[in-house]
Amino acid sequence: LASEALQRWRRQSSAVRREQIDEEMSEETRPSEGTQSAQSSAEAKSASDEALKPEEKLFGLRTLLEALQVSELVTTETIEGPFQLNPGEQAPLVCFQFKMSHFVCKVYLAAGAEEGTRHLKLQTIFEDNRNSLIEEHRYFMANEWNSSKPYTRLQCGSRDRGQTNVFTLEYDLLCPVQLPHYSGVHLLASTLRMWYTSMMACVLHIVAPRDLPFATHTMIVENTLSVAVREEDGLQNEAC
């Protein structure tokens, strides 16, 4: 009974947070009073005509949550959030955590750098406990992935004071605020399918047997960028 009560309390708290954060994010897209007063009469007439149409929901926090809930690849019971990571800030940064198969994923939603956009980031972390891989090898594997996959980005690092090696896979997407809600759900559903395929391919890339290179003189020469220094640059007496 205590467990069921705790689950109900968490669901109610998440619903309240979704309402509050969604309201904050929607307020960013509302035009200021000065902008509204500067509209022409033709624009005002167009707006009044559109007001007669049924109000259509636009892309937002509810769109992301619904896309996670309807995706056949997401384990619905594992969806947690939304969590606001920067409370008190004018532009909220919101995070959901969920599982796809046995991969623990996070998705972040924030205001985009360009006006009228939302920045969506998908992220998952793979742990690699192989002691035979040195840091240079892991960087080589990450760069090899990034050079052939233009949409996702693989980074390597460590945690637990260097005891555990990790690879972080990320995918960034800019969504227009004026995107209709249901179009956004379809867009994110296809994005989640692509993301799942990318995670599977990335795991196979990490564990695939390969002959890893080492820093031979030939490799250094072939990968060195030569830049000509002109006399007017004033660098002839510099040592590097």
Protein backbone atom coordinates (compact mmCIF):
# COMPACT_ATOMS: atom_id res chain seq x y z
CA LEU A 1 0.00 0.00 0.00
CA ALA A 2 2.84 2.39 0.87
CA SER A 3 4.50 1.65 -2.48
CA GLU A 4 1.26 2.34 -4.40
CA ALA A 5 0.73 5.58 -2.48
CA LEU A 6 4.31 6.66 -3.28
CA GLN A 7 3.80 5.92 -6.99
CA ARG A 8 0.54 7.95 -7.03
CA TRP A 9 2.28 10.84 -5.29
CA ARG A 10 5.13 10.75 -7.84
CA ARG A 11 2.70 10.74 -10.78
CA GLN A 12 0.76 13.68 -9.32
CA SER A 13 3.98 15.60 -8.64
CA SER A 14 5.21 14.95 -12.21
CA ALA A 15 1.87 16.14 -13.63
CA VAL A 16 2.08 19.37 -11.60
CA ARG A 17 5.69 19.94 -12.69
CA ARG A 18 4.74 19.37 -16.33
CA GLU A 19 1.97 21.96 -16.08
CA GLN A 20 4.25 24.54 -14.42
CA ILE A 21 7.22 24.03 -16.75
CA ASP A 22 5.03 23.94 -19.85
CA GLU A 23 3.50 27.26 -18.84
CA GLU A 24 6.96 28.78 -18.34
CA MET A 25 8.17 27.57 -21.73
CA SER A 26 5.02 28.76 -23.50
CA GLU A 27 5.41 32.23 -21.97
CA GLU A 28 8.74 32.63 -23.81
CA THR A 29 6.99 32.51 -27.18
CA ARG A 30 4.36 35.13 -26.36
CA PRO A 31 5.08 38.45 -28.07
CA SER A 32 5.69 41.55 -25.96
CA GLU A 33 3.16 44.38 -25.68
CA GLY A 34 5.34 46.60 -27.90
CA THR A 35 5.42 43.99 -30.62
CA GLN A 36 1.66 43.51 -30.46
CA SER A 37 0.98 47.25 -30.71
CA ALA A 38 3.22 47.50 -33.79
CA GLN A 39 1.19 45.03 -35.83
CA SER A 40 -0.57 46.37 -38.88
CA SER A 41 -4.35 46.29 -39.33
CA ALA A 42 -3.98 43.57 -41.96
CA GLU A 43 -2.10 41.35 -39.52
CA ALA A 44 -4.70 42.04 -36.85
CA LYS A 45 -7.45 40.98 -39.24
CA SER A 46 -5.56 37.79 -40.10
CA ALA A 47 -5.10 37.05 -36.41
CA SER A 48 -8.81 37.55 -35.76
CA ASP A 49 -9.66 35.16 -38.59
CA GLU A 50 -7.31 32.55 -37.18
CA ALA A 51 -8.85 33.02 -33.75
CA LEU A 52 -12.13 31.70 -35.14
CA LYS A 53 -10.43 28.37 -35.91
CA PRO A 54 -10.13 25.71 -33.20
CA GLU A 55 -7.01 26.32 -31.13
CA GLU A 56 -4.25 23.90 -32.12
CA LYS A 57 -1.65 22.78 -29.61
CA LEU A 58 1.94 23.56 -30.53
CA PHE A 59 5.22 21.78 -29.88
CA GLY A 60 6.19 21.73 -26.22
CA LEU A 61 6.78 19.63 -23.14
CA ARG A 62 3.53 17.67 -23.60
CA THR A 63 4.62 16.78 -27.15
CA LEU A 64 7.83 15.23 -25.87
CA LEU A 65 6.07 13.31 -23.09
CA GLU A 66 3.41 11.94 -25.45
CA ALA A 67 6.06 10.87 -27.97
CA LEU A 68 7.85 8.91 -25.23
CA GLN A 69 4.59 7.32 -24.09
CA VAL A 70 3.46 6.19 -27.56
CA SER A 71 6.86 4.93 -28.75
CA GLU A 72 6.95 1.14 -28.98
CA LEU A 73 10.67 1.20 -28.15
CA VAL A 74 10.36 3.08 -24.85
CA THR A 75 9.48 1.16 -21.69
CA THR A 76 6.64 3.38 -20.46
CA GLU A 77 7.03 2.40 -16.79
CA THR A 78 10.58 3.75 -16.78
CA ILE A 79 9.70 7.30 -17.86
CA GLU A 80 10.71 9.70 -15.07
CA GLY A 81 10.31 13.46 -15.01
CA PRO A 82 10.12 16.15 -16.01
CA PHE A 83 13.03 17.44 -13.92
CA GLN A 84 13.89 21.12 -14.19
CA LEU A 85 17.69 21.39 -14.05
CA ASN A 86 17.97 25.17 -13.74
CA PRO A 87 15.23 26.36 -11.33
CA GLY A 88 14.84 30.10 -11.24
CA GLU A 89 16.27 30.66 -14.72
CA GLN A 90 14.21 32.53 -17.31
CA ALA A 91 14.66 29.77 -19.94
CA PRO A 92 13.95 26.40 -18.27
CA LEU A 93 16.04 23.31 -19.05
CA VAL A 94 13.90 20.19 -18.62
CA CYS A 95 14.97 16.53 -18.57
CA PHE A 96 13.19 13.17 -18.88
CA GLN A 97 14.85 9.84 -18.12
CA PHE A 98 13.67 6.58 -19.68
CA LYS A 99 14.78 3.17 -20.92
CA MET A 100 14.92 1.80 -24.44
CA SER A 101 15.59 -1.94 -24.15
CA HIS A 102 18.32 -2.00 -21.47
CA PHE A 103 19.75 1.41 -22.42
CA VAL A 104 19.15 4.20 -19.91
CA CYS A 105 18.54 7.41 -21.88
CA LYS A 106 17.97 11.06 -21.12
CA VAL A 107 16.30 13.68 -23.25
CA TYR A 108 16.72 17.41 -22.60
CA LEU A 109 14.44 20.19 -23.83
CA ALA A 110 15.40 23.86 -23.71
CA ALA A 111 14.92 27.09 -25.63
CA GLY A 112 16.98 27.03 -28.82
CA ALA A 113 19.79 29.46 -29.61
CA GLU A 114 17.69 30.76 -32.49
CA GLU A 115 14.46 32.55 -31.67
CA GLY A 116 11.35 30.43 -32.14
CA THR A 117 13.09 27.06 -31.73
CA ARG A 118 13.39 24.36 -29.09
CA HIS A 119 16.69 22.53 -28.57
CA LEU A 120 16.23 18.79 -28.04
CA LYS A 121 19.16 16.59 -26.97
CA LEU A 122 19.11 12.79 -26.63
CA GLN A 123 21.87 11.21 -24.56
CA THR A 124 22.94 7.78 -23.34
CA ILE A 125 26.10 6.50 -21.64
CA PHE A 126 27.82 3.18 -22.28
CA GLU A 127 30.19 1.80 -19.65
CA ASP A 128 33.31 0.00 -20.90
CA ASN A 129 35.16 -2.01 -18.26
CA ARG A 130 37.86 -3.38 -20.56
CA ASN A 131 41.24 -2.66 -19.02
CA SER A 132 43.07 -3.46 -22.24
CA LEU A 133 41.98 -0.19 -23.88
CA ILE A 134 44.15 2.82 -23.16
CA GLU A 135 42.82 6.37 -23.44
CA GLU A 136 44.30 6.93 -26.92
CA HIS A 137 42.47 3.88 -28.24
CA ARG A 138 39.14 5.10 -26.88
CA TYR A 139 39.66 8.52 -28.48
CA PHE A 140 40.48 6.80 -31.77
CA MET A 141 37.25 4.75 -31.60
CA ALA A 142 35.18 7.87 -30.85
CA ASN A 143 36.79 9.86 -33.69
CA GLU A 144 36.30 6.96 -36.08
CA TRP A 145 32.55 6.99 -35.28
CA ASN A 146 32.24 10.78 -35.59
CA SER A 147 34.02 10.86 -38.94
CA SER A 148 31.47 8.50 -40.50
CA LYS A 149 28.24 9.45 -38.63
CA PRO A 150 27.30 13.10 -39.32
CA TYR A 151 24.25 13.30 -37.02
CA THR A 152 25.25 11.73 -33.71
CA ARG A 153 28.36 12.48 -31.68
CA LEU A 154 30.35 9.99 -29.58
CA GLN A 155 32.57 11.17 -26.75
CA CYS A 156 34.78 9.19 -24.38
CA GLY A 157 35.73 9.84 -20.78
CA SER A 158 35.83 8.25 -17.36
CA ARG A 159 34.12 8.43 -13.98
CA ASP A 160 34.54 7.03 -10.47
CA ARG A 161 38.00 8.65 -10.40
CA GLY A 162 39.06 6.93 -13.58
CA GLN A 163 37.93 3.47 -12.51
CA THR A 164 35.21 3.21 -15.18
CA ASN A 165 35.60 4.14 -18.83
CA VAL A 166 32.47 5.55 -20.48
CA PHE A 167 31.31 6.49 -23.96
CA THR A 168 28.60 9.16 -24.29
CA LEU A 169 26.42 9.20 -27.41
CA GLU A 170 24.44 12.38 -28.15
CA TYR A 171 22.05 13.63 -30.80
CA ASP A 172 20.87 17.25 -31.13
CA LEU A 173 17.70 18.44 -32.85
CA LEU A 174 16.20 21.91 -33.31
CA CYS A 175 12.39 21.94 -33.43
CA PRO A 176 10.33 25.01 -34.40
CA VAL A 177 7.99 26.27 -31.69
CA GLN A 178 5.19 26.71 -34.26
CA LEU A 179 5.29 23.00 -35.11
CA PRO A 180 1.82 21.52 -34.43
CA HIS A 181 1.63 19.16 -31.47
CA TYR A 182 0.71 16.01 -33.39
CA SER A 183 3.27 16.68 -36.11
CA GLY A 184 5.83 17.02 -33.34
CA VAL A 185 4.76 13.67 -31.87
CA HIS A 186 5.30 11.96 -35.25
CA LEU A 187 8.65 13.73 -35.70
CA LEU A 188 9.88 12.66 -32.27
CA ALA A 189 8.58 9.10 -32.73
CA SER A 190 10.69 8.68 -35.88
CA THR A 191 13.61 10.37 -34.11
CA LEU A 192 13.38 7.86 -31.25
CA ARG A 193 13.45 4.97 -33.72
CA MET A 194 16.56 6.45 -35.34
CA TRP A 195 18.09 6.97 -31.90
CA TYR A 196 17.54 3.32 -30.92
CA THR A 197 19.18 2.16 -34.16
CA SER A 198 22.12 4.51 -33.54
CA MET A 199 22.62 3.14 -30.01
CA MET A 200 22.69 -0.44 -31.26
CA ALA A 201 25.13 0.45 -34.04
CA CYS A 202 27.31 2.38 -31.58
CA VAL A 203 27.58 -0.58 -29.20
CA LEU A 204 28.62 -2.82 -32.10
CA HIS A 205 31.17 -0.19 -33.13
CA ILE A 206 32.67 -0.03 -29.62
CA VAL A 207 33.02 -3.79 -29.13
CA ALA A 208 34.05 -4.63 -32.73
CA PRO A 209 37.52 -6.21 -32.96
CA ARG A 210 39.96 -3.90 -34.72
CA ASP A 211 43.66 -3.30 -35.14
CA LEU A 212 44.12 -0.01 -33.32
CA PRO A 213 46.94 2.19 -34.63
CA PHE A 214 49.73 3.66 -32.59
CA ALA A 215 51.75 6.82 -33.11
CA THR A 216 54.32 5.77 -35.68
CA HIS A 217 56.40 8.37 -37.49
CA THR A 218 54.50 7.64 -40.72
CA MET A 219 51.11 8.22 -39.05
CA ILE A 220 52.28 11.49 -37.50
CA VAL A 221 53.60 12.77 -40.85
CA GLU A 222 50.44 11.74 -42.73
CA ASN A 223 48.17 13.49 -40.20
CA THR A 224 50.22 16.66 -39.71
CA LEU A 225 48.77 19.90 -41.07
CA SER A 226 51.48 22.09 -42.60
CA VAL A 227 50.94 25.86 -42.55
CA ALA A 228 53.26 28.27 -44.35
CA VAL A 229 54.53 31.15 -42.20
CA ARG A 230 55.04 34.45 -43.98
CA GLU A 231 57.67 36.99 -43.08
CA GLU A 232 55.04 39.58 -42.15
CA ASP A 233 53.55 37.16 -39.60
CA GLY A 234 56.58 37.79 -37.38
CA LEU A 235 56.85 34.15 -36.31
CA GLN A 236 60.19 33.15 -37.82
CA ASN A 237 61.94 33.41 -34.46
CA GLU A 238 59.28 31.39 -32.60
CA ALA A 239 59.94 27.77 -31.63
CA CYS A 240 57.18 25.19 -31.64
